[in-house]
Every structure is written in structure tokens, then in C-alpha cells.
Amino acid sequence: MTGLVLLGIILTSGLGAVVVCALVLVYGYTPEINEKPREAVRRLALTRAAHAAATVCFAVSALLGIVALGMHARTVTDSAAVTRPTAELGATVSELQERQARLREDISRMAARLNELEARTRLAETRVQALEGAGATPAAAPREPVPLPPRAGRQ
């Protein structure tokens, strides 16, 4: 596929060059001194059309070049991944599985701790409502610190 893109680059840039060269061969670099108005208008129109055609050819060539570079970069990346040793990939997979297991354990500990805190909060709310219903004001009880679970990576 890259070969077809490169062929397209060669053809479009060559066509643009041929258009510019033909324009120079037909009209030269400067207009004639005693050129008739009708010929001047024709020369100007053909010059503009030829310049536009050459610009389109070179723009298509540039776009095809960008496509070819992208295809080449993808091919290089794919071939590097294929040549990577299988043992190294196996080690990476096992490391990721271990990390995933540790994360699952951390999440389950956090979920258990959250459930415990929710139960304690409900109990405290029930006690406050019971005290408010009895007309008593709750005394400020000393609070015990809530231990945090160990963070992953810090042990």
C-alpha cells in the first residue's frame, strides 16, 4: 500500500511540474511588450488556471506524503511490538495481574470499611433522634480516631 502512495506522490508532483514547465514554454517568464488586450486576458486566464492546477497537484502530493509517513510510522510500531520477546510480555502480564489483585483487595477492604462507617453513622443518628425525642441534649462524647486503611504502595 505504501508503494501505491509513493507512486501517487511521484505522479502528482511530476504532473504539477509539467504544468508549470508548459506554462513557461508557452508564455515565457514575462509578457510581451506589445501584447494585444485580448491576448493579455487569455494569457492571464491560462496562467491562473495553470497555477491553480499545479497548486492542486502539489497539495495532493503533500497530503499523500503525510499519509505515507503515517503508514510508515504504524508499520515501524507494529514490527517493534512483534519482535519484542515473548517472555518479557509474559512478565508484564503477570505483573499487571498481580497489581490488579492487589487493587481488588484494597477495594474490598475500603468497601468493608465504608459499610462499617455507614452502620456506625446510622447508629449514631438513631441515638441522636432518641435523645432528641426524649428532650435531652446530647453530650459531646470524646471521639476516637478512625484508622485509615493502608494505601497501595505504602506498607
Protein backbone atom coordinates (compact mmCIF):
# COMPACT_ATOMS: atom_id res chain seq x y z
CA MET A 1 0.00 0.00 0.00
CA THR A 2 2.86 2.36 0.78
CA GLY A 3 4.23 1.75 -2.71
CA LEU A 4 0.98 3.00 -4.26
CA VAL A 5 1.04 6.12 -2.11
CA LEU A 6 4.63 6.84 -3.12
CA LEU A 7 3.71 6.29 -6.77
CA GLY A 8 0.88 8.80 -6.32
CA ILE A 9 3.33 11.33 -4.86
CA ILE A 10 5.65 10.94 -7.83
CA LEU A 11 2.84 11.23 -10.38
CA THR A 12 1.12 14.25 -8.83
CA SER A 13 4.31 16.21 -8.23
CA GLY A 14 5.50 15.35 -11.74
CA LEU A 15 2.19 16.50 -13.23
CA GLY A 16 2.43 19.80 -11.32
CA ALA A 17 5.96 20.31 -12.61
CA VAL A 18 4.90 19.56 -16.19
CA VAL A 19 2.06 22.11 -15.95
CA VAL A 20 4.43 24.83 -14.69
CA CYS A 21 7.05 23.99 -17.35
CA ALA A 22 4.43 24.05 -20.13
CA LEU A 23 3.25 27.44 -18.91
CA VAL A 24 6.80 28.81 -19.08
CA LEU A 25 7.34 27.29 -22.55
CA VAL A 26 4.13 28.81 -23.94
CA TYR A 27 4.27 32.28 -22.36
CA GLY A 28 7.83 32.69 -21.06
CA TYR A 29 8.67 34.48 -17.83
CA THR A 30 7.45 37.97 -18.78
CA PRO A 31 4.64 39.18 -21.03
CA GLU A 32 5.39 40.66 -24.45
CA ILE A 33 5.70 44.44 -24.63
CA ASN A 34 3.22 44.94 -27.48
CA GLU A 35 0.67 42.35 -26.41
CA LYS A 36 -2.91 42.87 -27.56
CA PRO A 37 -5.54 43.19 -24.81
CA ARG A 38 -7.36 40.06 -25.94
CA GLU A 39 -4.13 38.01 -25.82
CA ALA A 40 -3.23 39.52 -22.42
CA VAL A 41 -6.60 38.41 -20.99
CA ARG A 42 -6.14 34.94 -22.45
CA ARG A 43 -2.58 34.68 -21.09
CA LEU A 44 -3.73 35.84 -17.65
CA ALA A 45 -6.62 33.35 -17.55
CA LEU A 46 -4.45 30.42 -18.67
CA THR A 47 -1.69 31.42 -16.24
CA ARG A 48 -4.12 31.49 -13.34
CA ALA A 49 -5.68 28.16 -14.32
CA ALA A 50 -2.25 26.53 -14.73
CA HIS A 51 -1.08 27.87 -11.37
CA ALA A 52 -4.24 26.55 -9.71
CA ALA A 53 -3.80 23.12 -11.33
CA ALA A 54 -0.13 22.96 -10.29
CA THR A 55 -1.06 24.01 -6.73
CA VAL A 56 -3.67 21.25 -6.52
CA CYS A 57 -1.12 18.70 -7.79
CA PHE A 58 1.47 19.76 -5.20
CA ALA A 59 -1.13 19.84 -2.41
CA VAL A 60 -2.26 16.30 -3.26
CA SER A 61 1.37 15.25 -3.32
CA ALA A 62 1.91 16.74 0.16
CA LEU A 63 -1.19 15.00 1.53
CA LEU A 64 -0.08 11.69 0.09
CA GLY A 65 3.31 12.26 1.72
CA ILE A 66 1.65 12.71 5.10
CA VAL A 67 -0.34 9.52 4.55
CA ALA A 68 2.85 7.64 3.62
CA LEU A 69 4.61 8.89 6.77
CA GLY A 70 1.69 7.77 8.90
CA MET A 71 1.65 4.35 7.29
CA HIS A 72 5.41 4.02 7.75
CA ALA A 73 5.21 5.01 11.44
CA ARG A 74 2.43 2.48 12.06
CA THR A 75 4.45 -0.26 10.33
CA VAL A 76 7.52 0.53 12.42
CA THR A 77 5.47 0.47 15.65
CA ASP A 78 3.76 -2.80 14.71
CA SER A 79 7.03 -4.51 13.81
CA ALA A 80 8.64 -3.38 17.09
CA ALA A 81 5.80 -4.92 19.05
CA VAL A 82 6.09 -8.18 17.12
CA THR A 83 9.84 -8.50 17.70
CA ARG A 84 9.52 -7.91 21.46
CA PRO A 85 10.46 -11.06 23.38
CA THR A 86 7.51 -13.16 24.45
CA ALA A 87 9.00 -13.76 27.92
CA GLU A 88 9.11 -10.02 28.55
CA LEU A 89 5.47 -9.70 27.56
CA GLY A 90 4.57 -12.64 29.83
CA ALA A 91 6.34 -10.97 32.75
CA THR A 92 4.49 -7.73 32.07
CA VAL A 93 1.15 -9.55 32.00
CA SER A 94 1.87 -11.32 35.29
CA GLU A 95 2.89 -8.00 36.91
CA LEU A 96 -0.35 -6.43 35.75
CA GLN A 97 -2.37 -9.37 37.09
CA GLU A 98 -0.66 -9.08 40.49
CA ARG A 99 -1.34 -5.36 40.58
CA GLN A 100 -4.96 -5.96 39.66
CA ALA A 101 -5.29 -8.49 42.50
CA ARG A 102 -3.80 -6.00 45.00
CA LEU A 103 -6.18 -3.30 43.79
CA ARG A 104 -9.17 -5.62 44.17
CA GLU A 105 -8.10 -6.42 47.75
CA ASP A 106 -7.74 -2.71 48.52
CA ILE A 107 -11.18 -2.00 47.08
CA SER A 108 -12.79 -4.80 49.09
CA ARG A 109 -11.14 -3.51 52.31
CA MET A 110 -12.38 0.02 51.53
CA ALA A 111 -15.88 -1.28 50.85
CA ALA A 112 -15.91 -3.16 54.18
CA ARG A 113 -14.65 -0.08 56.00
CA LEU A 114 -17.30 2.06 54.28
CA ASN A 115 -20.05 -0.38 55.31
CA GLU A 116 -18.77 -0.25 58.89
CA LEU A 117 -18.76 3.54 58.88
CA GLU A 118 -22.27 3.65 57.42
CA ALA A 119 -23.52 1.32 60.17
CA ARG A 120 -21.87 3.45 62.86
CA THR A 121 -23.38 6.61 61.34
CA ARG A 122 -26.85 5.07 61.29
CA LEU A 123 -26.43 4.00 64.94
CA ALA A 124 -25.29 7.50 65.92
CA GLU A 125 -28.24 9.09 64.06
CA THR A 126 -30.63 6.71 65.82
CA ARG A 127 -29.17 7.63 69.22
CA VAL A 128 -29.41 11.37 68.45
CA GLN A 129 -33.04 11.02 67.38
CA ALA A 130 -33.82 9.03 70.53
CA LEU A 131 -32.20 11.69 72.70
CA GLU A 132 -34.00 14.49 70.86
CA GLY A 133 -37.30 12.64 71.26
CA ALA A 134 -36.68 12.30 74.99
CA GLY A 135 -35.93 16.02 75.25
CA ALA A 136 -32.33 15.56 76.26
CA THR A 137 -29.44 17.26 74.63
CA PRO A 138 -26.64 15.01 73.55
CA ALA A 139 -23.41 15.47 75.44
CA ALA A 140 -20.27 15.83 73.44
CA ALA A 141 -18.68 12.42 73.61
CA PRO A 142 -14.98 12.06 73.09
CA ARG A 143 -14.33 10.84 69.58
CA GLU A 144 -11.94 8.08 68.89
CA PRO A 145 -9.77 8.45 65.78
CA VAL A 146 -10.77 6.40 62.79
CA PRO A 147 -7.80 4.45 61.48
CA LEU A 148 -7.29 4.69 57.73
CA PRO A 149 -6.57 1.58 55.67
CA PRO A 150 -3.03 1.31 54.30
CA ARG A 151 -2.57 2.83 50.85
CA ALA A 152 -1.33 0.78 47.94
CA GLY A 153 2.39 1.17 47.52
CA ARG A 154 2.95 2.25 51.17
CA GLN A 155 3.44 -0.60 53.55
